[in-house]
Amino acid sequence: MPYIKTSGPNPTELYYYEQGEGKPVVLVHGWPLSHRMWESQITALSEAGYRVIAYDRRGFGQSGRPTAGYDYDTFAADLADVLTQLDLSDVALAGFSMGGGEVARYLGRHGASGRVTRAMLLGAVPPFLLKTADNPGGVDKAVFDGMLESVRNDRIAFLGDFFYGFYNLDRNKPEGQELVAFSKWLAWEASPLATQQCIVAFGTTDFRADLAQFSVPTLVVHGDADQIVPVDVSGRRSHEMIKGSRLEVLPGAPHGFAATHARQLNALMLDFLRS
């Protein structure tokens, strides 16, 4: 199976999947899923002539489960290892939700490094979710503390409920139940420790300085009905902070629009890649 060995103080193995030939597009998944959330995008992009590479974050999917390293500096270093060890160039990076943090921190700390030429932040957590004195529009810390406590108390039950809000679905109606079941299966597979520590990471990390370092064309896509990462807290603000970025707001789209609005997202991604 295809793995890379990461460097740094908390090394592990990262599983990656690739499909297609052409310019590379690297997909970084959201919490608490795995690379398999990108099923529709992998098909659409590879059929359009791109080499698509999607990997599992440490602690998730088929990647290793170390006991440390669940912070964005380490996640960005892991992404750097993926690009370097696969010797990728002319790369488009796309990060969904938590994965947008990896893209932001990578570009903030490593720059384009001669490898990255485009970036996509999709329903992403930057610039800064936590409400602080200098970030009054953020989310109260109590929200993240509550999530962390719920995951520690009963991770399986928490994730069983979580995806209804993720996709804006009614648990009492048949629509979308298969998608919820699939998502729960992916999330349940993850390391309990990684699931917990990633809440701390995406809930408290400030990416504002990272966004200021963006020097490549950037697409920001967000749903205006996102109940998990509200567009006014994240997508719109990232667009304002990234010079020359392109903002696309999907009407009625929930947080999990990569699945529920896959056709629209795929079209936007391909248009951006070809522009």
C-alpha atoms as a PDB file:
ATOM      1  CA  MET A   1       0.000   0.000   0.000  1.00  0.00           C
ATOM      2  CA  PRO A   2       1.247   3.559  -0.719  1.00  0.00           C
ATOM      3  CA  TYR A   3       2.668   5.245   2.372  1.00  0.00           C
ATOM      4  CA  ILE A   4       5.188   7.941   3.107  1.00  0.00           C
ATOM      5  CA  LYS A   5       7.202   8.222   6.315  1.00  0.00           C
ATOM      6  CA  THR A   6       7.058  11.654   7.862  1.00  0.00           C
ATOM      7  CA  SER A   7      10.054  13.448   9.350  1.00  0.00           C
ATOM      8  CA  GLY A   8      10.235  15.522  12.505  1.00  0.00           C
ATOM      9  CA  PRO A   9       9.991  14.702  16.210  1.00  0.00           C
ATOM     10  CA  ASN A  10       6.770  12.644  15.979  1.00  0.00           C
ATOM     11  CA  PRO A  11       7.191  10.576  12.804  1.00  0.00           C
ATOM     12  CA  THR A  12       4.459   8.350  11.463  1.00  0.00           C
ATOM     13  CA  GLU A  13       3.245   6.826   8.210  1.00  0.00           C
ATOM     14  CA  LEU A  14       0.720   8.620   6.021  1.00  0.00           C
ATOM     15  CA  TYR A  15      -1.465   6.664   3.647  1.00  0.00           C
ATOM     16  CA  TYR A  16      -2.179   8.295   0.307  1.00  0.00           C
ATOM     17  CA  TYR A  17      -4.342   7.434  -2.681  1.00  0.00           C
ATOM     18  CA  GLU A  18      -3.722   8.712  -6.186  1.00  0.00           C
ATOM     19  CA  GLN A  19      -5.671   8.547  -9.406  1.00  0.00           C
ATOM     20  CA  GLY A  20      -5.199  10.061 -12.848  1.00  0.00           C
ATOM     21  CA  GLU A  21      -2.343  11.693 -14.739  1.00  0.00           C
ATOM     22  CA  GLY A  22      -1.422  15.319 -15.323  1.00  0.00           C
ATOM     23  CA  LYS A  23      -0.823  18.301 -13.062  1.00  0.00           C
ATOM     24  CA  PRO A  24      -1.148  17.274  -9.409  1.00  0.00           C
ATOM     25  CA  VAL A  25      -4.015  18.280  -7.138  1.00  0.00           C
ATOM     26  CA  VAL A  26      -3.457  17.401  -3.483  1.00  0.00           C
ATOM     27  CA  LEU A  27      -6.607  17.069  -1.357  1.00  0.00           C
ATOM     28  CA  VAL A  28      -6.517  17.484   2.439  1.00  0.00           C
ATOM     29  CA  HIS A  29      -9.604  16.125   4.199  1.00  0.00           C
ATOM     30  CA  GLY A  30     -11.694  17.532   7.023  1.00  0.00           C
ATOM     31  CA  TRP A  31     -12.332  16.398  10.584  1.00  0.00           C
ATOM     32  CA  PRO A  32     -13.311  13.736  11.518  1.00  0.00           C
ATOM     33  CA  LEU A  33     -13.232  12.020   8.109  1.00  0.00           C
ATOM     34  CA  SER A  34     -10.519  10.597   5.847  1.00  0.00           C
ATOM     35  CA  HIS A  35      -9.381  10.915   2.236  1.00  0.00           C
ATOM     36  CA  ARG A  36     -12.489   8.976   1.237  1.00  0.00           C
ATOM     37  CA  MET A  37     -14.668  12.068   1.729  1.00  0.00           C
ATOM     38  CA  TRP A  38     -13.219  13.248  -1.619  1.00  0.00           C
ATOM     39  CA  GLU A  39     -14.791  10.431  -3.667  1.00  0.00           C
ATOM     40  CA  SER A  40     -16.653  12.700  -6.088  1.00  0.00           C
ATOM     41  CA  GLN A  41     -13.780  15.162  -6.466  1.00  0.00           C
ATOM     42  CA  ILE A  42     -11.222  12.423  -7.128  1.00  0.00           C
ATOM     43  CA  THR A  43     -13.385  11.068  -9.946  1.00  0.00           C
ATOM     44  CA  ALA A  44     -14.181  14.440 -11.509  1.00  0.00           C
ATOM     45  CA  LEU A  45     -10.647  15.830 -11.359  1.00  0.00           C
ATOM     46  CA  SER A  46      -8.914  12.687 -12.585  1.00  0.00           C
ATOM     47  CA  GLU A  47     -11.352  12.327 -15.476  1.00  0.00           C
ATOM     48  CA  ALA A  48     -10.601  15.954 -16.394  1.00  0.00           C
ATOM     49  CA  GLY A  49      -6.883  15.212 -16.767  1.00  0.00           C
ATOM     50  CA  TYR A  50      -5.400  15.810 -13.319  1.00  0.00           C
ATOM     51  CA  ARG A  51      -3.287  13.615 -11.074  1.00  0.00           C
ATOM     52  CA  VAL A  52      -5.255  13.587  -7.833  1.00  0.00           C
ATOM     53  CA  ILE A  53      -3.533  12.725  -4.560  1.00  0.00           C
ATOM     54  CA  ALA A  54      -5.564  12.462  -1.360  1.00  0.00           C
ATOM     55  CA  TYR A  55      -3.943  11.426   1.897  1.00  0.00           C
ATOM     56  CA  ASP A  56      -5.132  10.562   5.396  1.00  0.00           C
ATOM     57  CA  ARG A  57      -4.089  12.951   8.159  1.00  0.00           C
ATOM     58  CA  ARG A  58      -2.108  11.333  10.978  1.00  0.00           C
ATOM     59  CA  GLY A  59      -4.542   9.531  13.274  1.00  0.00           C
ATOM     60  CA  PHE A  60      -7.229   9.140  10.617  1.00  0.00           C
ATOM     61  CA  GLY A  61      -8.122   6.635   7.923  1.00  0.00           C
ATOM     62  CA  GLN A  62      -5.288   4.247   7.144  1.00  0.00           C
ATOM     63  CA  SER A  63      -2.485   6.486   8.399  1.00  0.00           C
ATOM     64  CA  GLY A  64      -0.436   5.849  11.515  1.00  0.00           C
ATOM     65  CA  ARG A  65      -1.724   6.728  14.976  1.00  0.00           C
ATOM     66  CA  PRO A  66       1.092   8.351  16.934  1.00  0.00           C
ATOM     67  CA  THR A  67       0.497   9.650  20.452  1.00  0.00           C
ATOM     68  CA  ALA A  68       1.643  13.191  19.593  1.00  0.00           C
ATOM     69  CA  GLY A  69       1.844  15.677  16.746  1.00  0.00           C
ATOM     70  CA  TYR A  70      -1.782  16.778  16.493  1.00  0.00           C
ATOM     71  CA  ASP A  71      -1.027  20.452  15.947  1.00  0.00           C
ATOM     72  CA  TYR A  72      -0.954  22.549  12.794  1.00  0.00           C
ATOM     73  CA  ASP A  73       2.809  23.022  12.660  1.00  0.00           C
ATOM     74  CA  THR A  74       3.153  19.236  12.535  1.00  0.00           C
ATOM     75  CA  PHE A  75       0.265  18.833  10.089  1.00  0.00           C
ATOM     76  CA  ALA A  76       1.901  21.378   7.764  1.00  0.00           C
ATOM     77  CA  ALA A  77       5.214  19.558   8.063  1.00  0.00           C
ATOM     78  CA  ASP A  78       3.414  16.320   7.157  1.00  0.00           C
ATOM     79  CA  LEU A  79       1.974  18.007   4.061  1.00  0.00           C
ATOM     80  CA  ALA A  80       5.454  19.232   3.159  1.00  0.00           C
ATOM     81  CA  ASP A  81       6.691  15.642   3.414  1.00  0.00           C
ATOM     82  CA  VAL A  82       3.933  14.496   1.052  1.00  0.00           C
ATOM     83  CA  LEU A  83       4.916  17.067  -1.568  1.00  0.00           C
ATOM     84  CA  THR A  84       8.635  16.468  -1.169  1.00  0.00           C
ATOM     85  CA  GLN A  85       8.672  12.691  -1.043  1.00  0.00           C
ATOM     86  CA  LEU A  86       6.331  12.397  -4.021  1.00  0.00           C
ATOM     87  CA  ASP A  87       8.446  15.097  -5.740  1.00  0.00           C
ATOM     88  CA  LEU A  88       5.402  17.109  -6.777  1.00  0.00           C
ATOM     89  CA  SER A  89       5.566  20.416  -8.625  1.00  0.00           C
ATOM     90  CA  ASP A  90       3.002  22.815 -10.099  1.00  0.00           C
ATOM     91  CA  VAL A  91       0.674  21.641  -7.314  1.00  0.00           C
ATOM     92  CA  ALA A  92      -2.828  22.842  -6.510  1.00  0.00           C
ATOM     93  CA  LEU A  93      -3.565  22.375  -2.815  1.00  0.00           C
ATOM     94  CA  ALA A  94      -7.182  21.965  -1.704  1.00  0.00           C
ATOM     95  CA  GLY A  95      -8.153  21.782   1.957  1.00  0.00           C
ATOM     96  CA  PHE A  96     -11.649  21.163   3.286  1.00  0.00           C
ATOM     97  CA  SER A  97     -12.669  22.418   6.730  1.00  0.00           C
ATOM     98  CA  MET A  98      -9.835  21.442   9.080  1.00  0.00           C
ATOM     99  CA  GLY A  99      -7.769  20.607   6.007  1.00  0.00           C
ATOM    100  CA  GLY A 100      -7.889  24.260   5.008  1.00  0.00           C
ATOM    101  CA  GLY A 101      -5.772  24.889   8.072  1.00  0.00           C
ATOM    102  CA  GLU A 102      -3.049  22.620   6.720  1.00  0.00           C
ATOM    103  CA  VAL A 103      -3.058  24.543   3.447  1.00  0.00           C
ATOM    104  CA  ALA A 104      -2.895  27.883   5.270  1.00  0.00           C
ATOM    105  CA  ARG A 105      -0.157  26.852   7.710  1.00  0.00           C
ATOM    106  CA  TYR A 106       1.864  25.188   4.941  1.00  0.00           C
ATOM    107  CA  LEU A 107       1.843  28.357   2.827  1.00  0.00           C
ATOM    108  CA  GLY A 108       2.427  30.502   5.894  1.00  0.00           C
ATOM    109  CA  ARG A 109       5.431  28.533   7.147  1.00  0.00           C
ATOM    110  CA  HIS A 110       6.855  26.944   4.014  1.00  0.00           C
ATOM    111  CA  GLY A 111       5.686  29.359   1.330  1.00  0.00           C
ATOM    112  CA  ALA A 112       4.940  28.081  -2.157  1.00  0.00           C
ATOM    113  CA  SER A 113       8.414  26.453  -1.984  1.00  0.00           C
ATOM    114  CA  GLY A 114       8.589  26.222  -5.747  1.00  0.00           C
ATOM    115  CA  ARG A 115       5.988  23.466  -5.645  1.00  0.00           C
ATOM    116  CA  VAL A 116       2.584  25.063  -5.028  1.00  0.00           C
ATOM    117  CA  THR A 117       0.961  27.258  -7.675  1.00  0.00           C
ATOM    118  CA  ARG A 118      -2.686  27.358  -6.537  1.00  0.00           C
ATOM    119  CA  ALA A 119      -4.675  26.965  -3.333  1.00  0.00           C
ATOM    120  CA  MET A 120      -8.293  26.188  -2.500  1.00  0.00           C
ATOM    121  CA  LEU A 121      -9.952  26.726   0.885  1.00  0.00           C
ATOM    122  CA  LEU A 122     -13.237  24.815   0.923  1.00  0.00           C
ATOM    123  CA  GLY A 123     -15.531  25.300   3.910  1.00  0.00           C
ATOM    124  CA  ALA A 124     -12.252  25.922   5.692  1.00  0.00           C
ATOM    125  CA  VAL A 125     -11.543  26.903   9.304  1.00  0.00           C
ATOM    126  CA  PRO A 126      -9.169  29.859   8.648  1.00  0.00           C
ATOM    127  CA  PRO A 127      -8.650  32.607   9.497  1.00  0.00           C
ATOM    128  CA  PHE A 128      -9.415  32.045  13.226  1.00  0.00           C
ATOM    129  CA  LEU A 129     -12.450  30.349  14.758  1.00  0.00           C
ATOM    130  CA  LEU A 130     -11.945  31.181  18.433  1.00  0.00           C
ATOM    131  CA  LYS A 131     -13.577  34.252  19.936  1.00  0.00           C
ATOM    132  CA  THR A 132     -10.951  36.451  21.569  1.00  0.00           C
ATOM    133  CA  ALA A 133     -10.539  40.118  22.418  1.00  0.00           C
ATOM    134  CA  ASP A 134      -9.077  40.809  18.967  1.00  0.00           C
ATOM    135  CA  ASN A 135     -11.407  38.344  17.257  1.00  0.00           C
ATOM    136  CA  PRO A 136     -14.849  39.242  18.661  1.00  0.00           C
ATOM    137  CA  GLY A 137     -16.748  37.614  15.811  1.00  0.00           C
ATOM    138  CA  GLY A 138     -15.376  34.163  16.588  1.00  0.00           C
ATOM    139  CA  VAL A 139     -16.922  31.150  18.305  1.00  0.00           C
ATOM    140  CA  ASP A 140     -17.060  30.927  22.108  1.00  0.00           C
ATOM    141  CA  LYS A 141     -14.458  28.610  23.637  1.00  0.00           C
ATOM    142  CA  ALA A 142     -17.288  26.839  25.439  1.00  0.00           C
ATOM    143  CA  VAL A 143     -18.435  25.376  22.116  1.00  0.00           C
ATOM    144  CA  PHE A 144     -15.097  23.639  21.537  1.00  0.00           C
ATOM    145  CA  ASP A 145     -14.828  22.619  25.187  1.00  0.00           C
ATOM    146  CA  GLY A 146     -18.264  21.024  24.913  1.00  0.00           C
ATOM    147  CA  MET A 147     -17.286  19.123  21.777  1.00  0.00           C
ATOM    148  CA  LEU A 148     -14.117  17.872  23.446  1.00  0.00           C
ATOM    149  CA  GLU A 149     -15.969  16.738  26.549  1.00  0.00           C
ATOM    150  CA  SER A 150     -18.601  14.938  24.474  1.00  0.00           C
ATOM    151  CA  VAL A 151     -15.970  13.113  22.428  1.00  0.00           C
ATOM    152  CA  ARG A 152     -14.118  12.069  25.568  1.00  0.00           C
ATOM    153  CA  ASN A 153     -17.311  10.875  27.248  1.00  0.00           C
ATOM    154  CA  ASP A 154     -18.799   8.973  24.297  1.00  0.00           C
ATOM    155  CA  ARG A 155     -17.073   9.479  20.973  1.00  0.00           C
ATOM    156  CA  ILE A 156     -19.294   7.005  19.120  1.00  0.00           C
ATOM    157  CA  ALA A 157     -22.520   8.666  20.248  1.00  0.00           C
ATOM    158  CA  PHE A 158     -21.215  12.187  19.572  1.00  0.00           C
ATOM    159  CA  LEU A 159     -20.231  11.294  16.020  1.00  0.00           C
ATOM    160  CA  GLY A 160     -23.558   9.539  15.551  1.00  0.00           C
ATOM    161  CA  ASP A 161     -25.296  12.882  16.037  1.00  0.00           C
ATOM    162  CA  PHE A 162     -22.689  15.201  14.533  1.00  0.00           C
ATOM    163  CA  PHE A 163     -23.251  14.523  10.855  1.00  0.00           C
ATOM    164  CA  TYR A 164     -26.881  15.612  10.793  1.00  0.00           C
ATOM    165  CA  GLY A 165     -25.685  19.169  11.379  1.00  0.00           C
ATOM    166  CA  PHE A 166     -22.692  18.600   9.104  1.00  0.00           C
ATOM    167  CA  TYR A 167     -25.045  17.948   6.163  1.00  0.00           C
ATOM    168  CA  ASN A 168     -28.121  19.854   7.432  1.00  0.00           C
ATOM    169  CA  LEU A 169     -30.238  16.714   7.404  1.00  0.00           C
ATOM    170  CA  ASP A 170     -33.313  15.659   9.354  1.00  0.00           C
ATOM    171  CA  ARG A 171     -32.674  12.432  11.240  1.00  0.00           C
ATOM    172  CA  ASN A 172     -36.360  11.512  10.889  1.00  0.00           C
ATOM    173  CA  LYS A 173     -36.413  11.666   7.093  1.00  0.00           C
ATOM    174  CA  PRO A 174     -34.919   9.114   4.693  1.00  0.00           C
ATOM    175  CA  GLU A 175     -32.987  11.647   2.584  1.00  0.00           C
ATOM    176  CA  GLY A 176     -29.247  11.489   3.216  1.00  0.00           C
ATOM    177  CA  GLN A 177     -29.258   8.631   5.713  1.00  0.00           C
ATOM    178  CA  GLU A 178     -26.771   6.629   3.629  1.00  0.00           C
ATOM    179  CA  LEU A 179     -24.396   9.612   3.543  1.00  0.00           C
ATOM    180  CA  VAL A 180     -24.624   9.962   7.317  1.00  0.00           C
ATOM    181  CA  ALA A 181     -23.950   6.244   7.772  1.00  0.00           C
ATOM    182  CA  PHE A 182     -20.920   6.395   5.461  1.00  0.00           C
ATOM    183  CA  SER A 183     -19.536   9.450   7.266  1.00  0.00           C
ATOM    184  CA  LYS A 184     -19.978   7.872  10.696  1.00  0.00           C
ATOM    185  CA  TRP A 185     -18.137   4.793   9.497  1.00  0.00           C
ATOM    186  CA  LEU A 186     -15.191   6.919   8.351  1.00  0.00           C
ATOM    187  CA  ALA A 187     -15.167   8.928  11.583  1.00  0.00           C
ATOM    188  CA  TRP A 188     -15.468   5.929  13.900  1.00  0.00           C
ATOM    189  CA  GLU A 189     -12.373   4.447  12.266  1.00  0.00           C
ATOM    190  CA  ALA A 190     -10.182   7.321  13.475  1.00  0.00           C
ATOM    191  CA  SER A 191      -7.965   7.326  16.550  1.00  0.00           C
ATOM    192  CA  PRO A 192      -9.893   8.544  19.613  1.00  0.00           C
ATOM    193  CA  LEU A 193      -6.870  10.581  20.689  1.00  0.00           C
ATOM    194  CA  ALA A 194      -6.536  12.216  17.265  1.00  0.00           C
ATOM    195  CA  THR A 195     -10.269  12.972  17.207  1.00  0.00           C
ATOM    196  CA  GLN A 196      -9.949  14.782  20.528  1.00  0.00           C
ATOM    197  CA  GLN A 197      -6.722  16.651  19.883  1.00  0.00           C
ATOM    198  CA  CYS A 198      -7.838  17.920  16.491  1.00  0.00           C
ATOM    199  CA  ILE A 199     -10.738  19.749  18.171  1.00  0.00           C
ATOM    200  CA  VAL A 200      -8.142  21.690  20.159  1.00  0.00           C
ATOM    201  CA  ALA A 201      -6.115  22.332  17.005  1.00  0.00           C
ATOM    202  CA  PHE A 202      -8.842  23.677  14.732  1.00  0.00           C
ATOM    203  CA  GLY A 203     -10.645  25.426  17.574  1.00  0.00           C
ATOM    204  CA  THR A 204      -7.701  27.467  18.836  1.00  0.00           C
ATOM    205  CA  THR A 205      -5.231  27.960  15.968  1.00  0.00           C
ATOM    206  CA  ASP A 206      -4.893  31.463  14.549  1.00  0.00           C
ATOM    207  CA  PHE A 207      -4.167  31.445  10.804  1.00  0.00           C
ATOM    208  CA  ARG A 208      -4.351  35.182  10.209  1.00  0.00           C
ATOM    209  CA  ALA A 209      -0.597  35.597   9.810  1.00  0.00           C
ATOM    210  CA  ASP A 210      -0.523  32.574   7.487  1.00  0.00           C
ATOM    211  CA  LEU A 211      -3.148  34.026   5.161  1.00  0.00           C
ATOM    212  CA  ALA A 212      -1.065  37.186   4.867  1.00  0.00           C
ATOM    213  CA  GLN A 213       1.699  35.071   3.317  1.00  0.00           C
ATOM    214  CA  PHE A 214      -0.408  33.667   0.477  1.00  0.00           C
ATOM    215  CA  SER A 215       1.228  34.461  -2.854  1.00  0.00           C
ATOM    216  CA  VAL A 216      -0.628  32.088  -5.184  1.00  0.00           C
ATOM    217  CA  PRO A 217      -4.087  32.327  -6.790  1.00  0.00           C
ATOM    218  CA  THR A 218      -6.626  31.169  -4.221  1.00  0.00           C
ATOM    219  CA  LEU A 219     -10.204  29.964  -4.452  1.00  0.00           C
ATOM    220  CA  VAL A 220     -12.430  30.202  -1.376  1.00  0.00           C
ATOM    221  CA  VAL A 221     -15.679  28.194  -1.464  1.00  0.00           C
ATOM    222  CA  HIS A 222     -18.218  28.111   1.354  1.00  0.00           C
ATOM    223  CA  GLY A 223     -21.858  27.229   1.907  1.00  0.00           C
ATOM    224  CA  ASP A 224     -24.097  29.995   3.193  1.00  0.00           C
ATOM    225  CA  ALA A 225     -26.057  27.476   5.307  1.00  0.00           C
ATOM    226  CA  ASP A 226     -22.946  26.077   7.037  1.00  0.00           C
ATOM    227  CA  GLN A 227     -23.837  25.313  10.674  1.00  0.00           C
ATOM    228  CA  ILE A 228     -20.384  23.981  11.590  1.00  0.00           C
ATOM    229  CA  VAL A 229     -18.001  26.643  10.245  1.00  0.00           C
ATOM    230  CA  PRO A 230     -20.158  29.703   9.512  1.00  0.00           C
ATOM    231  CA  VAL A 231     -19.262  31.542   6.327  1.00  0.00           C
ATOM    232  CA  ASP A 232     -19.157  34.958   8.003  1.00  0.00           C
ATOM    233  CA  VAL A 233     -16.620  33.710  10.554  1.00  0.00           C
ATOM    234  CA  SER A 234     -14.416  31.966   8.026  1.00  0.00           C
ATOM    235  CA  GLY A 235     -14.905  32.001   4.267  1.00  0.00           C
ATOM    236  CA  ARG A 236     -15.742  35.679   3.835  1.00  0.00           C
ATOM    237  CA  ARG A 237     -12.973  36.774   6.174  1.00  0.00           C
ATOM    238  CA  SER A 238     -10.373  34.572   4.488  1.00  0.00           C
ATOM    239  CA  HIS A 239     -11.347  36.057   1.145  1.00  0.00           C
ATOM    240  CA  GLU A 240     -10.863  39.558   2.575  1.00  0.00           C
ATOM    241  CA  MET A 241      -7.431  38.667   3.942  1.00  0.00           C
ATOM    242  CA  ILE A 242      -6.034  36.880   0.864  1.00  0.00           C
ATOM    243  CA  LYS A 243      -5.157  39.431  -1.773  1.00  0.00           C
ATOM    244  CA  GLY A 244      -6.739  38.661  -5.137  1.00  0.00           C
ATOM    245  CA  SER A 245      -8.627  35.603  -3.912  1.00  0.00           C
ATOM    246  CA  ARG A 246     -11.857  34.436  -5.517  1.00  0.00           C
ATOM    247  CA  LEU A 247     -14.880  33.811  -3.289  1.00  0.00           C
ATOM    248  CA  GLU A 248     -17.722  31.493  -4.277  1.00  0.00           C
ATOM    249  CA  VAL A 249     -20.638  31.136  -1.856  1.00  0.00           C
ATOM    250  CA  LEU A 250     -22.931  28.165  -2.504  1.00  0.00           C
ATOM    251  CA  PRO A 251     -26.565  29.081  -1.743  1.00  0.00           C
ATOM    252  CA  GLY A 252     -28.218  26.681   0.692  1.00  0.00           C
ATOM    253  CA  ALA A 253     -25.102  24.528   1.019  1.00  0.00           C
ATOM    254  CA  PRO A 254     -24.226  22.933   4.384  1.00  0.00           C
ATOM    255  CA  HIS A 255     -20.753  22.354   5.753  1.00  0.00           C
ATOM    256  CA  GLY A 256     -20.442  19.012   3.984  1.00  0.00           C
ATOM    257  CA  PHE A 257     -21.005  20.448   0.510  1.00  0.00           C
ATOM    258  CA  ALA A 258     -18.254  18.329  -1.030  1.00  0.00           C
ATOM    259  CA  ALA A 259     -20.867  15.560  -0.916  1.00  0.00           C
ATOM    260  CA  THR A 260     -24.220  17.362  -0.990  1.00  0.00           C
ATOM    261  CA  HIS A 261     -23.210  19.903  -3.669  1.00  0.00           C
ATOM    262  CA  ALA A 262     -20.498  17.863  -5.358  1.00  0.00           C
ATOM    263  CA  ARG A 263     -21.423  18.808  -8.912  1.00  0.00           C
ATOM    264  CA  GLN A 264     -21.266  22.538  -8.162  1.00  0.00           C
ATOM    265  CA  LEU A 265     -18.008  22.204  -6.234  1.00  0.00           C
ATOM    266  CA  ASN A 266     -16.378  20.075  -8.912  1.00  0.00           C
ATOM    267  CA  ALA A 267     -17.294  22.625 -11.588  1.00  0.00           C
ATOM    268  CA  LEU A 268     -15.840  25.463  -9.509  1.00  0.00           C
ATOM    269  CA  MET A 269     -12.628  23.568  -8.837  1.00  0.00           C
ATOM    270  CA  LEU A 270     -12.131  22.692 -12.496  1.00  0.00           C
ATOM    271  CA  ASP A 271     -12.879  26.239 -13.615  1.00  0.00           C
ATOM    272  CA  PHE A 272     -10.324  27.564 -11.138  1.00  0.00           C
ATOM    273  CA  LEU A 273      -7.690  25.027 -12.156  1.00  0.00           C
ATOM    274  CA  ARG A 274      -8.137  25.879 -15.837  1.00  0.00           C
ATOM    275  CA  SER A 275      -8.247  29.650 -15.388  1.00  0.00           C
END
